Protein backbone atom coordinates (compact mmCIF):
# COMPACT_ATOMS: atom_id res chain seq x y z
CA MET A 1 -12.65 0.74 -2.71
CA LEU A 2 -10.41 -1.96 -1.29
CA ILE A 3 -8.55 -0.92 1.87
CA ALA A 4 -5.41 -2.96 2.56
CA VAL A 5 -4.12 -2.46 6.10
CA ALA A 6 -0.75 -3.73 7.33
CA ILE A 7 1.71 -3.21 10.13
CA SER A 8 5.22 -3.73 8.87
CA ARG A 9 7.99 -4.88 11.17
CA HIS A 10 10.42 -3.00 8.99
CA ARG A 11 10.75 0.66 8.14
CA ASN A 12 10.27 0.16 4.40
CA VAL A 13 6.58 1.06 4.31
CA ILE A 14 6.74 2.27 0.70
CA LYS A 15 7.77 -1.19 -0.45
CA LYS A 16 4.86 -2.68 1.53
CA GLU A 17 2.44 -0.21 -0.11
CA VAL A 18 3.56 -1.33 -3.55
CA GLU A 19 3.23 -4.99 -2.54
CA LYS A 20 -0.36 -4.43 -1.39
CA ILE A 21 -1.32 -2.58 -4.58
CA LEU A 22 0.15 -5.34 -6.76
CA LYS A 23 -1.34 -8.11 -4.60
CA TYR A 24 -4.89 -6.85 -5.10
CA LYS A 25 -4.57 -5.75 -8.73
CA ASP A 26 -6.36 -8.82 -10.11
CA VAL A 27 -9.09 -8.57 -7.47
CA LEU A 28 -9.76 -4.96 -8.45
CA ILE A 29 -9.98 -5.86 -12.13
CA GLU A 30 -12.49 -8.59 -11.28
CA ILE A 31 -14.55 -6.20 -9.14
CA GLN A 32 -14.59 -3.63 -11.94
CA ARG A 33 -15.66 -6.20 -14.54
CA THR A 34 -18.26 -7.92 -12.38
CA TRP A 35 -20.04 -4.86 -11.00
CA ASN A 36 -19.09 -2.31 -13.65
CA VAL A 37 -17.72 0.11 -11.05
CA LYS A 38 -14.51 2.03 -10.64
CA ALA A 39 -12.34 0.62 -7.84
CA LYS A 40 -8.93 1.23 -6.34
CA THR A 41 -6.70 -0.16 -3.63
CA ILE A 42 -5.95 2.11 -0.70
CA PRO A 43 -2.90 0.86 1.22
CA VAL A 44 -2.80 1.95 4.86
CA ILE A 45 0.64 0.85 6.06
CA ALA A 46 2.50 1.75 9.25
CA GLY A 47 5.89 0.58 10.39
CA ALA A 48 6.32 -0.97 13.82
CA THR A 49 8.27 2.12 14.90
CA GLY A 50 5.54 4.50 13.74
CA THR A 51 6.98 5.10 10.29
CA VAL A 52 4.43 6.02 7.64
CA ALA A 53 4.85 6.89 3.97
CA LYS A 54 4.37 10.47 2.84
CA SER A 55 1.57 9.21 0.60
CA LEU A 56 -0.54 7.98 3.55
CA LYS A 57 -2.33 11.32 3.93
CA GLN A 58 -3.29 11.24 0.25
CA TYR A 59 -4.57 7.67 0.51
CA LEU A 60 -6.59 8.48 3.65
CA SER A 61 -8.26 11.39 1.85
CA ASN A 62 -9.88 8.81 -0.47
CA ILE A 63 -11.67 7.17 2.46
CA PRO A 64 -14.88 8.93 3.53
CA GLY A 65 -14.78 10.57 6.96
CA GLU A 66 -12.08 12.25 8.99
CA HIS A 67 -8.87 10.31 9.64
CA LYS A 68 -5.98 11.54 11.74
CA ILE A 69 -2.63 9.83 11.28
CA LYS A 70 -1.71 10.27 14.96
CA GLU A 71 -4.91 8.50 16.04
CA LEU A 72 -4.27 5.63 13.64
CA LEU A 73 -0.75 5.25 15.00
CA LYS A 74 -2.06 5.10 18.58
CA LYS A 75 -4.42 2.30 17.60
CA LYS A 76 -1.60 0.56 15.75
CA LYS A 77 0.64 0.67 18.83
CA SER A 78 -2.10 -0.87 20.97
CA TYR A 79 -2.68 -3.62 18.41
CA TRP A 80 1.05 -4.28 18.07
CA ALA A 81 1.55 -4.51 21.84
CA LEU A 82 -1.39 -6.89 22.19
CA HIS A 83 -0.18 -9.26 19.48
CA THR A 84 3.51 -9.29 20.34
CA HIS A 85 3.05 -10.05 24.05
CA CYS A 86 0.52 -12.89 23.75
């Protein structure tokens, strides 16, 4: 499992999800060949305004444990504020 996390300045989070999946495609193939395991990319993308893709819930269900979108967005806002005001 390869988790690709990004905070997009734009609202087009679906486009960013596709970019992340394509970006790591070769890495996943190499992981699968090297270790003979099944692997997939899980994009976790949020827009700067709190926009998330409808598919985020489905992607999060592939990650073990309990994940609440609202909690992730709170953490994202804190991270964004910290890195934009430095």
